Amino acid sequence: MFGSKPQPTPMISTTRLTRDGSIAFEDPHIYCFIVGGLQYIPITRPELSCVVNRVCQFMNSPQNHH
């Protein structure tokens, strides 16, 4: 990691995601399936780990804005 270069997170840092504030996602199973697949991406793309972590926090009640 000594020779690595910093990478910005490809996420708007000012966006505040909350548990409510939008209508519920139509099919939560699709959201869980997609997020479950995203959990393997940070192995090869560590700059995406923050973004994947944020969407994983809302797997129990996904909203449209997530």
PDB file of N, CA and C in Angstrom:
ATOM      1  N   MET A   1       0.802  -1.199   0.000  1.00  0.00           N
ATOM      2  CA  MET A   1       0.000   0.000   0.000  1.00  0.00           C
ATOM      3  C   MET A   1       0.849   1.270   0.000  1.00  0.00           C
ATOM      4  N   PHE A   2       2.158   1.139   0.171  1.00  0.00           N
ATOM      5  CA  PHE A   2       2.996   2.338   0.206  1.00  0.00           C
ATOM      6  C   PHE A   2       3.020   3.069  -1.125  1.00  0.00           C
ATOM      7  N   GLY A   3       2.957   2.352  -2.213  1.00  0.00           N
ATOM      8  CA  GLY A   3       3.010   2.969  -3.528  1.00  0.00           C
ATOM      9  C   GLY A   3       1.651   3.293  -4.110  1.00  0.00           C
ATOM     10  N   SER A   4       0.592   3.096  -3.340  1.00  0.00           N
ATOM     11  CA  SER A   4      -0.743   3.334  -3.881  1.00  0.00           C
ATOM     12  C   SER A   4      -1.066   4.820  -3.919  1.00  0.00           C
ATOM     13  N   LYS A   5      -1.968   5.167  -4.833  1.00  0.00           N
ATOM     14  CA  LYS A   5      -2.400   6.553  -4.979  1.00  0.00           C
ATOM     15  C   LYS A   5      -3.827   6.683  -4.451  1.00  0.00           C
ATOM     16  N   PRO A   6      -4.148   7.802  -3.820  1.00  0.00           N
ATOM     17  CA  PRO A   6      -5.523   7.969  -3.316  1.00  0.00           C
ATOM     18  C   PRO A   6      -6.518   8.117  -4.460  1.00  0.00           C
ATOM     19  N   GLN A   7      -7.678   7.549  -4.267  1.00  0.00           N
ATOM     20  CA  GLN A   7      -8.766   7.630  -5.242  1.00  0.00           C
ATOM     21  C   GLN A   7      -9.977   8.229  -4.573  1.00  0.00           C
ATOM     22  N   PRO A   8     -10.650   9.141  -5.227  1.00  0.00           N
ATOM     23  CA  PRO A   8     -11.888   9.662  -4.628  1.00  0.00           C
ATOM     24  C   PRO A   8     -12.994   8.609  -4.695  1.00  0.00           C
ATOM     25  N   THR A   9     -13.879   8.673  -3.742  1.00  0.00           N
ATOM     26  CA  THR A   9     -15.024   7.779  -3.731  1.00  0.00           C
ATOM     27  C   THR A   9     -16.028   8.250  -4.774  1.00  0.00           C
ATOM     28  N   PRO A  10     -16.483   7.368  -5.670  1.00  0.00           N
ATOM     29  CA  PRO A  10     -17.425   7.777  -6.716  1.00  0.00           C
ATOM     30  C   PRO A  10     -18.853   7.908  -6.190  1.00  0.00           C
ATOM     31  N   MET A  11     -19.004   8.743  -5.183  1.00  0.00           N
ATOM     32  CA  MET A  11     -20.309   8.935  -4.569  1.00  0.00           C
ATOM     33  C   MET A  11     -20.413  10.386  -4.135  1.00  0.00           C
ATOM     34  N   ILE A  12     -21.562  10.959  -4.272  1.00  0.00           N
ATOM     35  CA  ILE A  12     -21.770  12.322  -3.813  1.00  0.00           C
ATOM     36  C   ILE A  12     -21.793  12.293  -2.285  1.00  0.00           C
ATOM     37  N   SER A  13     -20.835  12.944  -1.666  1.00  0.00           N
ATOM     38  CA  SER A  13     -20.696  12.843  -0.217  1.00  0.00           C
ATOM     39  C   SER A  13     -21.747  13.650   0.541  1.00  0.00           C
ATOM     40  N   THR A  14     -22.427  14.573  -0.115  1.00  0.00           N
ATOM     41  CA  THR A  14     -23.417  15.388   0.581  1.00  0.00           C
ATOM     42  C   THR A  14     -24.798  14.744   0.615  1.00  0.00           C
ATOM     43  N   THR A  15     -25.005  13.671  -0.104  1.00  0.00           N
ATOM     44  CA  THR A  15     -26.299  12.989  -0.107  1.00  0.00           C
ATOM     45  C   THR A  15     -26.498  12.269   1.221  1.00  0.00           C
ATOM     46  N   ARG A  16     -27.609  12.549   1.871  1.00  0.00           N
ATOM     47  CA  ARG A  16     -27.933  11.910   3.139  1.00  0.00           C
ATOM     48  C   ARG A  16     -28.995  10.849   2.886  1.00  0.00           C
ATOM     49  N   LEU A  17     -28.635   9.605   3.094  1.00  0.00           N
ATOM     50  CA  LEU A  17     -29.592   8.518   2.947  1.00  0.00           C
ATOM     51  C   LEU A  17     -30.217   8.233   4.306  1.00  0.00           C
ATOM     52  N   THR A  18     -31.527   8.134   4.324  1.00  0.00           N
ATOM     53  CA  THR A  18     -32.247   7.855   5.558  1.00  0.00           C
ATOM     54  C   THR A  18     -33.113   6.614   5.382  1.00  0.00           C
ATOM     55  N   ARG A  19     -33.603   6.095   6.480  1.00  0.00           N
ATOM     56  CA  ARG A  19     -34.440   4.895   6.427  1.00  0.00           C
ATOM     57  C   ARG A  19     -35.798   5.156   5.808  1.00  0.00           C
ATOM     58  N   ASP A  20     -36.277   6.382   5.882  1.00  0.00           N
ATOM     59  CA  ASP A  20     -37.547   6.724   5.262  1.00  0.00           C
ATOM     60  C   ASP A  20     -37.385   8.066   4.565  1.00  0.00           C
ATOM     61  N   GLY A  21     -38.366   8.460   3.849  1.00  0.00           N
ATOM     62  CA  GLY A  21     -38.275   9.693   3.083  1.00  0.00           C
ATOM     63  C   GLY A  21     -38.636   9.455   1.628  1.00  0.00           C
ATOM     64  N   SER A  22     -38.922   8.225   1.300  1.00  0.00           N
ATOM     65  CA  SER A  22     -39.304   7.855  -0.049  1.00  0.00           C
ATOM     66  C   SER A  22     -40.273   6.683   0.078  1.00  0.00           C
ATOM     67  N   ILE A  23     -40.849   6.308  -1.050  1.00  0.00           N
ATOM     68  CA  ILE A  23     -41.745   5.147  -1.013  1.00  0.00           C
ATOM     69  C   ILE A  23     -40.913   3.865  -1.013  1.00  0.00           C
ATOM     70  N   ALA A  24     -41.478   2.811  -0.488  1.00  0.00           N
ATOM     71  CA  ALA A  24     -40.769   1.534  -0.391  1.00  0.00           C
ATOM     72  C   ALA A  24     -40.464   0.972  -1.780  1.00  0.00           C
ATOM     73  N   PHE A  25     -39.327   0.298  -1.885  1.00  0.00           N
ATOM     74  CA  PHE A  25     -38.928  -0.348  -3.124  1.00  0.00           C
ATOM     75  C   PHE A  25     -39.936  -1.442  -3.444  1.00  0.00           C
ATOM     76  N   GLU A  26     -40.289  -1.588  -4.732  1.00  0.00           N
ATOM     77  CA  GLU A  26     -41.346  -2.541  -5.125  1.00  0.00           C
ATOM     78  C   GLU A  26     -41.043  -3.960  -4.683  1.00  0.00           C
ATOM     79  N   ASP A  27     -39.861  -4.454  -5.023  1.00  0.00           N
ATOM     80  CA  ASP A  27     -39.502  -5.830  -4.706  1.00  0.00           C
ATOM     81  C   ASP A  27     -38.182  -5.833  -3.941  1.00  0.00           C
ATOM     82  N   PRO A  28     -38.230  -5.911  -2.601  1.00  0.00           N
ATOM     83  CA  PRO A  28     -36.999  -5.864  -1.818  1.00  0.00           C
ATOM     84  C   PRO A  28     -36.042  -7.014  -2.124  1.00  0.00           C
ATOM     85  N   HIS A  29     -36.551  -8.121  -2.661  1.00  0.00           N
ATOM     86  CA  HIS A  29     -35.680  -9.250  -2.985  1.00  0.00           C
ATOM     87  C   HIS A  29     -34.726  -8.900  -4.125  1.00  0.00           C
ATOM     88  N   ILE A  30     -35.167  -8.099  -5.065  1.00  0.00           N
ATOM     89  CA  ILE A  30     -34.290  -7.666  -6.162  1.00  0.00           C
ATOM     90  C   ILE A  30     -33.188  -6.774  -5.612  1.00  0.00           C
ATOM     91  N   TYR A  31     -33.540  -5.844  -4.712  1.00  0.00           N
ATOM     92  CA  TYR A  31     -32.547  -4.968  -4.091  1.00  0.00           C
ATOM     93  C   TYR A  31     -31.506  -5.803  -3.345  1.00  0.00           C
ATOM     94  N   CYS A  32     -31.945  -6.773  -2.558  1.00  0.00           N
ATOM     95  CA  CYS A  32     -31.014  -7.626  -1.810  1.00  0.00           C
ATOM     96  C   CYS A  32     -30.135  -8.444  -2.751  1.00  0.00           C
ATOM     97  N   PHE A  33     -30.695  -8.905  -3.850  1.00  0.00           N
ATOM     98  CA  PHE A  33     -29.923  -9.681  -4.824  1.00  0.00           C
ATOM     99  C   PHE A  33     -28.821  -8.819  -5.450  1.00  0.00           C
ATOM    100  N   ILE A  34     -29.162  -7.594  -5.826  1.00  0.00           N
ATOM    101  CA  ILE A  34     -28.187  -6.694  -6.448  1.00  0.00           C
ATOM    102  C   ILE A  34     -27.100  -6.301  -5.452  1.00  0.00           C
ATOM    103  N   VAL A  35     -27.507  -5.926  -4.247  1.00  0.00           N
ATOM    104  CA  VAL A  35     -26.534  -5.521  -3.234  1.00  0.00           C
ATOM    105  C   VAL A  35     -25.654  -6.705  -2.836  1.00  0.00           C
ATOM    106  N   GLY A  36     -26.221  -7.892  -2.785  1.00  0.00           N
ATOM    107  CA  GLY A  36     -25.425  -9.080  -2.490  1.00  0.00           C
ATOM    108  C   GLY A  36     -24.339  -9.312  -3.524  1.00  0.00           C
ATOM    109  N   GLY A  37     -24.644  -9.051  -4.781  1.00  0.00           N
ATOM    110  CA  GLY A  37     -23.633  -9.166  -5.824  1.00  0.00           C
ATOM    111  C   GLY A  37     -22.578  -8.081  -5.734  1.00  0.00           C
ATOM    112  N   LEU A  38     -22.978  -6.907  -5.279  1.00  0.00           N
ATOM    113  CA  LEU A  38     -22.032  -5.793  -5.150  1.00  0.00           C
ATOM    114  C   LEU A  38     -21.013  -6.015  -4.041  1.00  0.00           C
ATOM    115  N   GLN A  39     -21.293  -6.888  -3.096  1.00  0.00           N
ATOM    116  CA  GLN A  39     -20.384  -7.097  -1.974  1.00  0.00           C
ATOM    117  C   GLN A  39     -19.050  -7.693  -2.396  1.00  0.00           C
ATOM    118  N   TYR A  40     -18.965  -8.274  -3.580  1.00  0.00           N
ATOM    119  CA  TYR A  40     -17.713  -8.851  -4.047  1.00  0.00           C
ATOM    120  C   TYR A  40     -16.849  -7.852  -4.810  1.00  0.00           C
ATOM    121  N   ILE A  41     -17.409  -6.715  -5.190  1.00  0.00           N
ATOM    122  CA  ILE A  41     -16.664  -5.727  -5.971  1.00  0.00           C
ATOM    123  C   ILE A  41     -15.496  -5.120  -5.195  1.00  0.00           C
ATOM    124  N   PRO A  42     -15.625  -4.778  -3.894  1.00  0.00           N
ATOM    125  CA  PRO A  42     -14.494  -4.149  -3.202  1.00  0.00           C
ATOM    126  C   PRO A  42     -13.234  -5.008  -3.104  1.00  0.00           C
ATOM    127  N   ILE A  43     -13.327  -6.281  -3.421  1.00  0.00           N
ATOM    128  CA  ILE A  43     -12.125  -7.123  -3.410  1.00  0.00           C
ATOM    129  C   ILE A  43     -11.127  -6.625  -4.453  1.00  0.00           C
ATOM    130  N   THR A  44     -11.628  -6.263  -5.618  1.00  0.00           N
ATOM    131  CA  THR A  44     -10.744  -5.773  -6.677  1.00  0.00           C
ATOM    132  C   THR A  44     -10.810  -4.264  -6.853  1.00  0.00           C
ATOM    133  N   ARG A  45     -11.836  -3.608  -6.323  1.00  0.00           N
ATOM    134  CA  ARG A  45     -12.002  -2.154  -6.446  1.00  0.00           C
ATOM    135  C   ARG A  45     -12.216  -1.565  -5.062  1.00  0.00           C
ATOM    136  N   PRO A  46     -11.155  -1.397  -4.267  1.00  0.00           N
ATOM    137  CA  PRO A  46     -11.330  -0.926  -2.884  1.00  0.00           C
ATOM    138  C   PRO A  46     -11.936   0.467  -2.771  1.00  0.00           C
ATOM    139  N   GLU A  47     -11.860   1.290  -3.824  1.00  0.00           N
ATOM    140  CA  GLU A  47     -12.440   2.629  -3.750  1.00  0.00           C
ATOM    141  C   GLU A  47     -13.965   2.593  -3.719  1.00  0.00           C
ATOM    142  N   LEU A  48     -14.556   1.452  -4.058  1.00  0.00           N
ATOM    143  CA  LEU A  48     -16.013   1.321  -4.041  1.00  0.00           C
ATOM    144  C   LEU A  48     -16.544   0.761  -2.715  1.00  0.00           C
ATOM    145  N   SER A  49     -15.666   0.445  -1.789  1.00  0.00           N
ATOM    146  CA  SER A  49     -16.118  -0.174  -0.541  1.00  0.00           C
ATOM    147  C   SER A  49     -17.030   0.746   0.269  1.00  0.00           C
ATOM    148  N   CYS A  50     -16.788   2.040   0.251  1.00  0.00           N
ATOM    149  CA  CYS A  50     -17.643   2.979   0.992  1.00  0.00           C
ATOM    150  C   CYS A  50     -19.055   3.007   0.404  1.00  0.00           C
ATOM    151  N   VAL A  51     -19.149   3.016  -0.908  1.00  0.00           N
ATOM    152  CA  VAL A  51     -20.456   3.066  -1.571  1.00  0.00           C
ATOM    153  C   VAL A  51     -21.232   1.779  -1.313  1.00  0.00           C
ATOM    154  N   VAL A  52     -20.567   0.647  -1.418  1.00  0.00           N
ATOM    155  CA  VAL A  52     -21.234  -0.636  -1.186  1.00  0.00           C
ATOM    156  C   VAL A  52     -21.684  -0.732   0.270  1.00  0.00           C
ATOM    157  N   ASN A  53     -20.878  -0.235   1.170  1.00  0.00           N
ATOM    158  CA  ASN A  53     -21.259  -0.232   2.581  1.00  0.00           C
ATOM    159  C   ASN A  53     -22.523   0.586   2.804  1.00  0.00           C
ATOM    160  N   ARG A  54     -22.632   1.731   2.164  1.00  0.00           N
ATOM    161  CA  ARG A  54     -23.812   2.586   2.331  1.00  0.00           C
ATOM    162  C   ARG A  54     -25.087   1.890   1.859  1.00  0.00           C
ATOM    163  N   VAL A  55     -25.045   1.228   0.710  1.00  0.00           N
ATOM    164  CA  VAL A  55     -26.268   0.570   0.233  1.00  0.00           C
ATOM    165  C   VAL A  55     -26.580  -0.695   1.034  1.00  0.00           C
ATOM    166  N   CYS A  56     -25.568  -1.318   1.639  1.00  0.00           N
ATOM    167  CA  CYS A  56     -25.818  -2.499   2.466  1.00  0.00           C
ATOM    168  C   CYS A  56     -26.537  -2.142   3.762  1.00  0.00           C
ATOM    169  N   GLN A  57     -26.419  -0.911   4.209  1.00  0.00           N
ATOM    170  CA  GLN A  57     -27.053  -0.502   5.451  1.00  0.00           C
ATOM    171  C   GLN A  57     -28.573  -0.463   5.348  1.00  0.00           C
ATOM    172  N   PHE A  58     -29.108  -0.486   4.144  1.00  0.00           N
ATOM    173  CA  PHE A  58     -30.556  -0.353   3.959  1.00  0.00           C
ATOM    174  C   PHE A  58     -31.184  -1.617   3.367  1.00  0.00           C
ATOM    175  N   MET A  59     -30.564  -2.762   3.563  1.00  0.00           N
ATOM    176  CA  MET A  59     -31.102  -3.988   2.982  1.00  0.00           C
ATOM    177  C   MET A  59     -32.392  -4.442   3.657  1.00  0.00           C
ATOM    178  N   ASN A  60     -32.615  -4.069   4.910  1.00  0.00           N
ATOM    179  CA  ASN A  60     -33.816  -4.554   5.595  1.00  0.00           C
ATOM    180  C   ASN A  60     -35.069  -3.770   5.198  1.00  0.00           C
ATOM    181  N   SER A  61     -34.922  -2.520   4.733  1.00  0.00           N
ATOM    182  CA  SER A  61     -36.096  -1.756   4.285  1.00  0.00           C
ATOM    183  C   SER A  61     -35.666  -0.795   3.175  1.00  0.00           C
ATOM    184  N   PRO A  62     -35.445  -1.298   1.968  1.00  0.00           N
ATOM    185  CA  PRO A  62     -34.980  -0.425   0.881  1.00  0.00           C
ATOM    186  C   PRO A  62     -36.076   0.534   0.411  1.00  0.00           C
ATOM    187  N   GLN A  63     -35.685   1.739   0.085  1.00  0.00           N
ATOM    188  CA  GLN A  63     -36.565   2.767  -0.456  1.00  0.00           C
ATOM    189  C   GLN A  63     -36.134   3.064  -1.894  1.00  0.00           C
ATOM    190  N   ASN A  64     -36.945   3.775  -2.633  1.00  0.00           N
ATOM    191  CA  ASN A  64     -36.599   4.101  -4.020  1.00  0.00           C
ATOM    192  C   ASN A  64     -35.367   4.983  -4.125  1.00  0.00           C
ATOM    193  N   HIS A  65     -35.141   5.879  -3.169  1.00  0.00           N
ATOM    194  CA  HIS A  65     -33.988   6.748  -3.257  1.00  0.00           C
ATOM    195  C   HIS A  65     -32.674   6.056  -2.908  1.00  0.00           C
ATOM    196  N   HIS A  66     -32.737   4.858  -2.374  1.00  0.00           N
ATOM    197  CA  HIS A  66     -31.501   4.115  -2.110  1.00  0.00           C
ATOM    198  C   HIS A  66     -30.971   3.568  -3.405  1.00  0.00           C
TER     199      HIS A  66
END
